[in-house]
């Protein structure tokens, strides 16, 4: 579980992403997704900076849980809505493929104990995947989807996304 400094840093990164989303014209679920990206990215960065098994043990379960919950919400609420629009339906297909990669990378990290020599490289690969995924979503997917789907639907999708996240098994 993150300590107070890590929680504050995570919240600050979420706020920064919130501002960036506003500047990009994103609203509703797309703005919220960017905020979540910022929060988990801060925790991932903290883990990448440490080889301490205690830091890994404290933060990785929260990272893992957030990634799985976030992805479930996207897969159940956001990307199915995108699939309904021909202009962005390809994005939903690409995302489904990428979601499988995320789950495989998490499973790879989960194979190791926090102090094992393989844990750090496996986590680094996961972190790189998440970073690339976030860049694609924020730079391409979300702006295109927001433009096609509109502000009202983006706002309507937020509670559906949050509800879908609660159905995620994190163990």
N, C-alpha and C. Protein backbone atom coordinates (compact mmCIF):
# COMPACT_ATOMS: atom_id res chain seq x y z
N UNK A 1 0.85 -1.17 0.00
CA UNK A 1 0.00 0.00 0.00
C UNK A 1 0.90 1.25 0.00
N UNK A 2 0.61 2.21 -0.84
CA UNK A 2 1.43 3.42 -0.91
C UNK A 2 1.41 4.20 0.40
N UNK A 3 2.55 4.81 0.73
CA UNK A 3 2.59 5.67 1.92
C UNK A 3 2.04 7.05 1.53
N UNK A 4 2.02 7.98 2.48
CA UNK A 4 1.41 9.29 2.24
C UNK A 4 2.12 10.08 1.15
N UNK A 5 3.43 10.03 1.12
CA UNK A 5 4.19 10.76 0.09
C UNK A 5 3.89 10.18 -1.28
N UNK A 6 3.88 8.84 -1.37
CA UNK A 6 3.57 8.19 -2.65
C UNK A 6 2.14 8.48 -3.09
N UNK A 7 1.21 8.49 -2.13
CA UNK A 7 -0.17 8.83 -2.46
C UNK A 7 -0.28 10.26 -2.95
N UNK A 8 0.43 11.18 -2.29
CA UNK A 8 0.40 12.59 -2.70
C UNK A 8 1.01 12.78 -4.08
N UNK A 9 2.11 12.09 -4.33
CA UNK A 9 2.75 12.17 -5.65
C UNK A 9 1.82 11.62 -6.72
N UNK A 10 1.18 10.51 -6.43
CA UNK A 10 0.24 9.90 -7.36
C UNK A 10 -0.92 10.84 -7.64
N UNK A 11 -1.46 11.45 -6.61
CA UNK A 11 -2.57 12.40 -6.78
C UNK A 11 -2.13 13.61 -7.59
N UNK A 12 -0.92 14.08 -7.36
CA UNK A 12 -0.42 15.23 -8.11
C UNK A 12 -0.28 14.89 -9.59
N UNK A 13 0.23 13.70 -9.89
CA UNK A 13 0.35 13.29 -11.29
C UNK A 13 -1.03 13.15 -11.92
N UNK A 14 -1.98 12.69 -11.16
CA UNK A 14 -3.36 12.60 -11.66
C UNK A 14 -3.91 13.98 -11.97
N UNK A 15 -3.64 14.95 -11.11
CA UNK A 15 -4.10 16.32 -11.34
C UNK A 15 -3.45 16.92 -12.58
N UNK A 16 -2.18 16.64 -12.78
CA UNK A 16 -1.49 17.14 -13.97
C UNK A 16 -2.13 16.57 -15.23
N UNK A 17 -2.41 15.28 -15.21
CA UNK A 17 -3.06 14.65 -16.37
C UNK A 17 -4.46 15.21 -16.58
N UNK A 18 -5.15 15.55 -15.49
CA UNK A 18 -6.47 16.15 -15.58
C UNK A 18 -6.41 17.47 -16.34
N UNK A 19 -5.42 18.29 -16.02
CA UNK A 19 -5.22 19.56 -16.71
C UNK A 19 -4.90 19.33 -18.18
N UNK A 20 -4.01 18.38 -18.46
CA UNK A 20 -3.66 18.07 -19.85
C UNK A 20 -4.89 17.62 -20.63
N UNK A 21 -5.74 16.82 -20.00
CA UNK A 21 -6.96 16.36 -20.67
C UNK A 21 -7.86 17.53 -21.00
N UNK A 22 -7.97 18.47 -20.08
CA UNK A 22 -8.80 19.65 -20.32
C UNK A 22 -8.25 20.45 -21.49
N UNK A 23 -6.94 20.63 -21.53
CA UNK A 23 -6.30 21.37 -22.63
C UNK A 23 -6.58 20.66 -23.96
N UNK A 24 -6.58 19.34 -23.96
CA UNK A 24 -6.84 18.58 -25.19
C UNK A 24 -8.32 18.56 -25.56
N UNK A 25 -9.17 19.11 -24.68
CA UNK A 25 -10.61 19.13 -24.96
C UNK A 25 -11.32 17.86 -24.56
N UNK A 26 -10.68 17.03 -23.74
CA UNK A 26 -11.30 15.79 -23.30
C UNK A 26 -12.21 16.03 -22.10
N UNK A 27 -13.29 15.30 -22.06
CA UNK A 27 -14.25 15.42 -20.97
C UNK A 27 -14.67 14.03 -20.52
N UNK A 28 -15.47 13.98 -19.48
CA UNK A 28 -16.08 12.74 -19.02
C UNK A 28 -15.09 11.63 -18.80
N UNK A 29 -15.40 10.48 -19.35
CA UNK A 29 -14.59 9.29 -19.11
C UNK A 29 -13.18 9.45 -19.64
N UNK A 30 -13.00 10.16 -20.74
CA UNK A 30 -11.66 10.29 -21.32
C UNK A 30 -10.76 11.14 -20.42
N UNK A 31 -11.31 12.17 -19.85
CA UNK A 31 -10.55 13.00 -18.90
C UNK A 31 -10.20 12.17 -17.66
N UNK A 32 -11.18 11.42 -17.18
CA UNK A 32 -10.97 10.59 -15.99
C UNK A 32 -9.90 9.51 -16.24
N UNK A 33 -9.95 8.90 -17.42
CA UNK A 33 -8.96 7.87 -17.74
C UNK A 33 -7.55 8.46 -17.72
N UNK A 34 -7.39 9.66 -18.26
CA UNK A 34 -6.07 10.29 -18.22
C UNK A 34 -5.62 10.54 -16.78
N UNK A 35 -6.53 10.95 -15.93
CA UNK A 35 -6.19 11.17 -14.52
C UNK A 35 -5.72 9.87 -13.88
N UNK A 36 -6.42 8.78 -14.15
CA UNK A 36 -6.01 7.48 -13.62
C UNK A 36 -4.63 7.08 -14.16
N UNK A 37 -4.38 7.37 -15.43
CA UNK A 37 -3.06 7.08 -16.01
C UNK A 37 -1.97 7.79 -15.20
N UNK A 38 -2.21 9.05 -14.88
CA UNK A 38 -1.21 9.81 -14.12
C UNK A 38 -0.94 9.22 -12.76
N UNK A 39 -2.00 8.81 -12.09
CA UNK A 39 -1.85 8.26 -10.74
C UNK A 39 -1.04 6.97 -10.74
N UNK A 40 -1.40 6.04 -11.62
CA UNK A 40 -0.69 4.76 -11.63
C UNK A 40 0.72 4.93 -12.18
N UNK A 41 0.91 5.85 -13.12
CA UNK A 41 2.25 6.08 -13.67
C UNK A 41 3.22 6.56 -12.59
N UNK A 42 2.74 7.37 -11.67
CA UNK A 42 3.59 7.84 -10.57
C UNK A 42 4.05 6.66 -9.70
N UNK A 43 3.15 5.74 -9.43
CA UNK A 43 3.51 4.57 -8.63
C UNK A 43 4.47 3.66 -9.39
N UNK A 44 4.23 3.49 -10.67
CA UNK A 44 5.13 2.67 -11.50
C UNK A 44 6.53 3.28 -11.49
N UNK A 45 6.62 4.57 -11.64
CA UNK A 45 7.92 5.25 -11.63
C UNK A 45 8.63 5.03 -10.31
N UNK A 46 7.90 5.10 -9.22
CA UNK A 46 8.49 4.89 -7.89
C UNK A 46 9.07 3.48 -7.78
N UNK A 47 8.35 2.48 -8.27
CA UNK A 47 8.84 1.10 -8.20
C UNK A 47 10.05 0.92 -9.10
N UNK A 48 10.02 1.52 -10.28
CA UNK A 48 11.15 1.39 -11.21
C UNK A 48 12.43 1.98 -10.61
N UNK A 49 12.30 2.97 -9.74
CA UNK A 49 13.47 3.62 -9.14
C UNK A 49 14.07 2.83 -7.99
N UNK A 50 13.44 1.73 -7.61
CA UNK A 50 13.89 0.99 -6.44
C UNK A 50 14.10 -0.48 -6.75
N UNK A 51 15.12 -1.05 -6.13
CA UNK A 51 15.30 -2.50 -6.19
C UNK A 51 14.96 -3.12 -4.84
N UNK A 52 14.41 -2.32 -3.95
CA UNK A 52 14.04 -2.75 -2.61
C UNK A 52 12.78 -3.62 -2.66
N UNK A 53 12.91 -4.86 -2.20
CA UNK A 53 11.79 -5.78 -2.18
C UNK A 53 10.62 -5.27 -1.36
N UNK A 54 10.89 -4.51 -0.30
CA UNK A 54 9.80 -3.97 0.52
C UNK A 54 9.00 -2.92 -0.24
N UNK A 55 9.68 -2.08 -1.01
CA UNK A 55 8.98 -1.08 -1.83
C UNK A 55 8.12 -1.79 -2.88
N UNK A 56 8.69 -2.78 -3.52
CA UNK A 56 7.95 -3.56 -4.51
C UNK A 56 6.73 -4.20 -3.89
N UNK A 57 6.91 -4.83 -2.74
CA UNK A 57 5.82 -5.53 -2.05
C UNK A 57 4.73 -4.56 -1.60
N UNK A 58 5.11 -3.36 -1.26
CA UNK A 58 4.14 -2.37 -0.80
C UNK A 58 3.35 -1.77 -1.96
N UNK A 59 4.02 -1.52 -3.10
CA UNK A 59 3.38 -0.78 -4.19
C UNK A 59 2.83 -1.64 -5.33
N UNK A 60 3.50 -2.74 -5.64
CA UNK A 60 3.05 -3.52 -6.79
C UNK A 60 1.60 -4.01 -6.66
N UNK A 61 1.15 -4.50 -5.51
CA UNK A 61 -0.25 -4.92 -5.45
C UNK A 61 -1.24 -3.80 -5.81
N UNK A 62 -0.93 -2.59 -5.40
CA UNK A 62 -1.81 -1.45 -5.75
C UNK A 62 -1.74 -1.16 -7.24
N UNK A 63 -0.54 -1.21 -7.81
CA UNK A 63 -0.37 -0.99 -9.25
C UNK A 63 -1.13 -2.05 -10.03
N UNK A 64 -0.92 -3.28 -9.64
CA UNK A 64 -1.56 -4.42 -10.32
C UNK A 64 -3.08 -4.28 -10.27
N UNK A 65 -3.60 -3.99 -9.09
CA UNK A 65 -5.04 -3.83 -8.92
C UNK A 65 -5.58 -2.68 -9.77
N UNK A 66 -4.89 -1.56 -9.75
CA UNK A 66 -5.35 -0.41 -10.53
C UNK A 66 -5.31 -0.70 -12.03
N UNK A 67 -4.25 -1.34 -12.50
CA UNK A 67 -4.17 -1.67 -13.93
C UNK A 67 -5.30 -2.61 -14.34
N UNK A 68 -5.55 -3.63 -13.55
CA UNK A 68 -6.60 -4.59 -13.88
C UNK A 68 -7.99 -3.96 -13.82
N UNK A 69 -8.24 -3.16 -12.80
CA UNK A 69 -9.54 -2.50 -12.67
C UNK A 69 -9.75 -1.51 -13.82
N UNK A 70 -8.74 -0.73 -14.12
CA UNK A 70 -8.81 0.26 -15.19
C UNK A 70 -9.10 -0.45 -16.52
N UNK A 71 -8.36 -1.49 -16.78
CA UNK A 71 -8.52 -2.22 -18.04
C UNK A 71 -9.90 -2.85 -18.13
N UNK A 72 -10.41 -3.41 -17.05
CA UNK A 72 -11.75 -3.99 -17.05
C UNK A 72 -12.79 -2.93 -17.36
N UNK A 73 -12.67 -1.77 -16.73
CA UNK A 73 -13.61 -0.68 -17.00
C UNK A 73 -13.58 -0.26 -18.46
N UNK A 74 -12.37 -0.18 -19.01
CA UNK A 74 -12.26 0.19 -20.42
C UNK A 74 -12.89 -0.88 -21.32
N UNK A 75 -12.58 -2.14 -21.05
CA UNK A 75 -13.07 -3.24 -21.89
C UNK A 75 -14.59 -3.42 -21.80
N UNK A 76 -15.16 -3.13 -20.65
CA UNK A 76 -16.60 -3.34 -20.48
C UNK A 76 -17.45 -2.12 -20.83
N UNK A 77 -16.89 -0.93 -20.70
CA UNK A 77 -17.71 0.27 -20.89
C UNK A 77 -17.23 1.18 -22.02
N UNK A 78 -15.95 1.46 -22.09
CA UNK A 78 -15.47 2.49 -22.99
C UNK A 78 -15.30 1.97 -24.42
N UNK A 79 -14.53 0.92 -24.58
CA UNK A 79 -14.23 0.45 -25.93
C UNK A 79 -15.42 -0.18 -26.64
N UNK A 80 -16.35 -0.84 -25.95
CA UNK A 80 -17.57 -1.28 -26.65
C UNK A 80 -18.37 -0.10 -27.22
N UNK A 81 -18.38 1.01 -26.49
CA UNK A 81 -19.06 2.20 -27.01
C UNK A 81 -18.36 2.72 -28.26
N UNK A 82 -17.02 2.69 -28.25
CA UNK A 82 -16.26 3.12 -29.43
C UNK A 82 -16.56 2.21 -30.62
N UNK A 83 -16.72 0.93 -30.36
CA UNK A 83 -16.94 -0.04 -31.44
C UNK A 83 -18.22 0.25 -32.22
N UNK A 84 -19.12 0.99 -31.63
CA UNK A 84 -20.37 1.34 -32.29
C UNK A 84 -20.21 2.42 -33.36
N UNK A 85 -19.08 3.08 -33.39
CA UNK A 85 -18.82 4.17 -34.33
C UNK A 85 -17.79 3.73 -35.36
N UNK A 86 -18.16 3.65 -36.63
CA UNK A 86 -17.22 3.19 -37.65
C UNK A 86 -15.90 3.97 -37.67
N UNK A 87 -15.96 5.25 -37.35
CA UNK A 87 -14.76 6.09 -37.40
C UNK A 87 -13.70 5.69 -36.37
N UNK A 88 -14.13 5.02 -35.30
CA UNK A 88 -13.19 4.64 -34.23
C UNK A 88 -13.30 3.16 -33.85
N UNK A 89 -14.05 2.38 -34.62
CA UNK A 89 -14.22 0.97 -34.27
C UNK A 89 -12.89 0.21 -34.32
N UNK A 90 -11.98 0.61 -35.21
CA UNK A 90 -10.66 -0.03 -35.30
C UNK A 90 -9.91 0.12 -33.98
N UNK A 91 -10.10 1.24 -33.34
CA UNK A 91 -9.43 1.49 -32.05
C UNK A 91 -9.87 0.44 -31.02
N UNK A 92 -11.15 0.12 -31.00
CA UNK A 92 -11.64 -0.89 -30.06
C UNK A 92 -10.99 -2.24 -30.32
N UNK A 93 -10.83 -2.59 -31.57
CA UNK A 93 -10.19 -3.86 -31.93
C UNK A 93 -8.72 -3.87 -31.49
N UNK A 94 -8.02 -2.79 -31.75
CA UNK A 94 -6.61 -2.70 -31.35
C UNK A 94 -6.47 -2.80 -29.84
N UNK A 95 -7.37 -2.12 -29.14
CA UNK A 95 -7.30 -2.11 -27.68
C UNK A 95 -7.52 -3.51 -27.11
N UNK A 96 -8.43 -4.25 -27.68
CA UNK A 96 -8.69 -5.62 -27.19
C UNK A 96 -7.42 -6.46 -27.28
N UNK A 97 -6.69 -6.31 -28.37
CA UNK A 97 -5.43 -7.05 -28.53
C UNK A 97 -4.42 -6.60 -27.47
N UNK A 98 -4.33 -5.30 -27.27
CA UNK A 98 -3.38 -4.76 -26.30
C UNK A 98 -3.72 -5.17 -24.87
N UNK A 99 -5.00 -5.31 -24.57
CA UNK A 99 -5.42 -5.72 -23.23
C UNK A 99 -4.88 -7.10 -22.89
N UNK A 100 -4.87 -7.98 -23.86
CA UNK A 100 -4.30 -9.31 -23.65
C UNK A 100 -2.82 -9.24 -23.33
N UNK A 101 -2.11 -8.34 -23.99
CA UNK A 101 -0.68 -8.14 -23.71
C UNK A 101 -0.48 -7.68 -22.27
N UNK A 102 -1.30 -6.76 -21.82
CA UNK A 102 -1.18 -6.27 -20.44
C UNK A 102 -1.35 -7.41 -19.46
N UNK A 103 -2.34 -8.23 -19.66
CA UNK A 103 -2.58 -9.34 -18.74
C UNK A 103 -1.42 -10.34 -18.76
N UNK A 104 -0.83 -10.58 -19.93
CA UNK A 104 0.33 -11.48 -20.01
C UNK A 104 1.53 -10.90 -19.27
N UNK A 105 1.75 -9.60 -19.40
CA UNK A 105 2.88 -8.97 -18.71
C UNK A 105 2.69 -8.98 -17.19
N UNK A 106 1.46 -8.76 -16.74
CA UNK A 106 1.19 -8.83 -15.31
C UNK A 106 1.44 -10.25 -14.81
N UNK A 107 0.98 -11.24 -15.55
CA UNK A 107 1.20 -12.64 -15.16
C UNK A 107 2.69 -12.96 -15.09
N UNK A 108 3.47 -12.37 -15.98
CA UNK A 108 4.92 -12.58 -15.97
C UNK A 108 5.54 -12.02 -14.69
N UNK A 109 5.15 -10.81 -14.31
CA UNK A 109 5.67 -10.22 -13.06
C UNK A 109 5.24 -11.07 -11.87
N UNK A 110 4.00 -11.53 -11.90
CA UNK A 110 3.45 -12.31 -10.79
C UNK A 110 4.19 -13.63 -10.56
N UNK A 111 4.91 -14.12 -11.54
CA UNK A 111 5.64 -15.38 -11.39
C UNK A 111 6.81 -15.26 -10.42
N UNK A 112 7.28 -14.07 -10.19
CA UNK A 112 8.48 -13.86 -9.39
C UNK A 112 8.17 -13.35 -7.99
N UNK A 113 9.05 -13.69 -7.04
CA UNK A 113 9.02 -13.05 -5.74
C UNK A 113 9.67 -11.68 -5.89
N UNK A 114 9.33 -10.76 -5.03
CA UNK A 114 9.80 -9.38 -5.15
C UNK A 114 11.32 -9.25 -5.15
N UNK A 115 12.02 -10.14 -4.48
CA UNK A 115 13.47 -10.07 -4.41
C UNK A 115 14.19 -10.84 -5.50
N UNK A 116 13.46 -11.58 -6.31
CA UNK A 116 14.09 -12.38 -7.37
C UNK A 116 14.73 -11.47 -8.42
N UNK A 117 15.80 -11.97 -9.02
CA UNK A 117 16.50 -11.18 -10.04
C UNK A 117 15.63 -10.95 -11.29
N UNK A 118 14.66 -11.79 -11.53
CA UNK A 118 13.81 -11.63 -12.70
C UNK A 118 12.66 -10.66 -12.51
N UNK A 119 12.37 -10.30 -11.23
CA UNK A 119 11.23 -9.43 -10.98
C UNK A 119 11.42 -8.05 -11.62
N UNK A 120 12.57 -7.44 -11.41
CA UNK A 120 12.82 -6.10 -11.94
C UNK A 120 12.69 -6.03 -13.45
N UNK A 121 13.35 -6.91 -14.21
CA UNK A 121 13.18 -6.88 -15.67
C UNK A 121 11.74 -7.14 -16.12
N UNK A 122 11.04 -8.05 -15.45
CA UNK A 122 9.64 -8.31 -15.81
C UNK A 122 8.79 -7.08 -15.54
N UNK A 123 9.04 -6.42 -14.42
CA UNK A 123 8.29 -5.20 -14.11
C UNK A 123 8.63 -4.09 -15.10
N UNK A 124 9.88 -3.99 -15.48
CA UNK A 124 10.31 -2.98 -16.45
C UNK A 124 9.57 -3.18 -17.78
N UNK A 125 9.42 -4.42 -18.21
CA UNK A 125 8.69 -4.70 -19.45
C UNK A 125 7.22 -4.30 -19.32
N UNK A 126 6.64 -4.58 -18.16
CA UNK A 126 5.26 -4.16 -17.90
C UNK A 126 5.16 -2.64 -17.92
N UNK A 127 6.09 -1.98 -17.26
CA UNK A 127 6.08 -0.52 -17.21
C UNK A 127 6.19 0.09 -18.60
N UNK A 128 7.06 -0.48 -19.44
CA UNK A 128 7.21 0.01 -20.81
C UNK A 128 5.93 -0.19 -21.61
N UNK A 129 5.28 -1.33 -21.43
CA UNK A 129 4.02 -1.58 -22.12
C UNK A 129 2.97 -0.57 -21.69
N UNK A 130 2.85 -0.35 -20.39
CA UNK A 130 1.87 0.60 -19.87
C UNK A 130 2.16 2.00 -20.42
N UNK A 131 3.41 2.40 -20.40
CA UNK A 131 3.79 3.72 -20.89
C UNK A 131 3.41 3.88 -22.37
N UNK A 132 3.69 2.89 -23.18
CA UNK A 132 3.34 2.95 -24.61
C UNK A 132 1.83 2.97 -24.80
N UNK A 133 1.13 2.17 -24.04
CA UNK A 133 -0.33 2.11 -24.11
C UNK A 133 -0.95 3.46 -23.74
N UNK A 134 -0.46 4.04 -22.67
CA UNK A 134 -0.95 5.35 -22.23
C UNK A 134 -0.70 6.41 -23.30
N UNK A 135 0.49 6.40 -23.88
CA UNK A 135 0.82 7.38 -24.92
C UNK A 135 -0.12 7.24 -26.12
N UNK A 136 -0.42 6.02 -26.51
CA UNK A 136 -1.33 5.79 -27.64
C UNK A 136 -2.74 6.24 -27.31
N UNK A 137 -3.22 5.86 -26.13
CA UNK A 137 -4.57 6.26 -25.74
C UNK A 137 -4.71 7.78 -25.66
N UNK A 138 -3.78 8.41 -24.98
CA UNK A 138 -3.89 9.85 -24.75
C UNK A 138 -3.58 10.67 -26.00
N UNK A 139 -2.69 10.17 -26.83
CA UNK A 139 -2.29 10.92 -28.01
C UNK A 139 -3.16 10.68 -29.23
N UNK A 140 -3.78 9.50 -29.29
CA UNK A 140 -4.55 9.14 -30.49
C UNK A 140 -5.98 8.72 -30.16
N UNK A 141 -6.13 7.65 -29.36
CA UNK A 141 -7.44 7.06 -29.15
C UNK A 141 -8.46 8.03 -28.53
N UNK A 142 -8.11 8.61 -27.39
CA UNK A 142 -9.08 9.43 -26.67
C UNK A 142 -9.48 10.68 -27.45
N UNK A 143 -8.53 11.43 -28.02
CA UNK A 143 -8.96 12.61 -28.78
C UNK A 143 -9.87 12.26 -29.97
N UNK A 144 -9.55 11.20 -30.68
CA UNK A 144 -10.39 10.79 -31.81
C UNK A 144 -11.77 10.34 -31.34
N UNK A 145 -11.79 9.55 -30.28
CA UNK A 145 -13.07 9.05 -29.77
C UNK A 145 -13.93 10.21 -29.24
N UNK A 146 -13.32 11.13 -28.53
CA UNK A 146 -14.05 12.28 -28.00
C UNK A 146 -14.68 13.07 -29.15
N UNK A 147 -13.93 13.29 -30.19
CA UNK A 147 -14.41 14.06 -31.34
C UNK A 147 -15.60 13.36 -32.01
N UNK A 148 -15.50 12.05 -32.19
CA UNK A 148 -16.54 11.28 -32.87
C UNK A 148 -17.76 11.07 -31.97
N UNK A 149 -17.53 10.72 -30.71
CA UNK A 149 -18.61 10.32 -29.81
C UNK A 149 -19.29 11.49 -29.12
N UNK A 150 -18.56 12.57 -28.94
CA UNK A 150 -19.14 13.76 -28.34
C UNK A 150 -19.03 13.82 -26.82
N UNK A 151 -19.22 15.01 -26.33
CA UNK A 151 -19.08 15.29 -24.90
C UNK A 151 -20.15 14.59 -24.06
N UNK A 152 -21.38 14.58 -24.54
CA UNK A 152 -22.45 13.98 -23.74
C UNK A 152 -22.20 12.49 -23.49
N UNK A 153 -21.84 11.77 -24.53
CA UNK A 153 -21.57 10.34 -24.35
C UNK A 153 -20.33 10.13 -23.48
N UNK A 154 -19.31 10.96 -23.66
CA UNK A 154 -18.12 10.84 -22.81
C UNK A 154 -18.49 10.97 -21.34
N UNK A 155 -19.40 11.85 -21.04
CA UNK A 155 -19.85 12.04 -19.65
C UNK A 155 -20.71 10.86 -19.19
N UNK A 156 -21.56 10.35 -20.08
CA UNK A 156 -22.42 9.22 -19.73
C UNK A 156 -21.63 7.95 -19.48
N UNK A 157 -20.50 7.81 -20.14
CA UNK A 157 -19.69 6.60 -19.99
C UNK A 157 -18.94 6.54 -18.66
N UNK A 158 -18.70 7.68 -18.02
CA UNK A 158 -17.91 7.67 -16.78
C UNK A 158 -18.53 6.80 -15.68
N UNK A 159 -19.81 6.95 -15.35
CA UNK A 159 -20.34 6.04 -14.30
C UNK A 159 -20.37 4.58 -14.73
N UNK A 160 -20.54 4.32 -16.01
CA UNK A 160 -20.50 2.94 -16.49
C UNK A 160 -19.10 2.36 -16.33
N UNK A 161 -18.10 3.17 -16.63
CA UNK A 161 -16.71 2.75 -16.45
C UNK A 161 -16.44 2.45 -14.98
N UNK A 162 -16.83 3.35 -14.10
CA UNK A 162 -16.58 3.16 -12.66
C UNK A 162 -17.30 1.91 -12.14
N UNK A 163 -18.50 1.67 -12.61
CA UNK A 163 -19.24 0.49 -12.19
C UNK A 163 -18.56 -0.78 -12.70
N UNK A 164 -18.11 -0.76 -13.94
CA UNK A 164 -17.45 -1.93 -14.51
C UNK A 164 -16.17 -2.27 -13.76
N UNK A 165 -15.46 -1.27 -13.27
CA UNK A 165 -14.21 -1.51 -12.55
C UNK A 165 -14.43 -2.34 -11.30
N UNK A 166 -15.60 -2.25 -10.70
CA UNK A 166 -15.86 -2.97 -9.45
C UNK A 166 -16.05 -4.47 -9.67
N UNK A 167 -16.15 -4.88 -10.93
CA UNK A 167 -16.36 -6.31 -11.22
C UNK A 167 -15.05 -7.05 -11.47
N UNK A 168 -13.94 -6.37 -11.27
CA UNK A 168 -12.64 -6.95 -11.60
C UNK A 168 -12.10 -7.83 -10.47
N UNK A 169 -11.80 -9.09 -10.78
CA UNK A 169 -11.06 -9.88 -9.80
C UNK A 169 -9.60 -9.44 -9.83
N UNK A 170 -9.04 -9.08 -8.70
CA UNK A 170 -7.67 -8.58 -8.66
C UNK A 170 -6.68 -9.58 -8.11
N UNK A 171 -7.14 -10.73 -7.74
CA UNK A 171 -6.23 -11.75 -7.18
C UNK A 171 -5.70 -12.66 -8.27
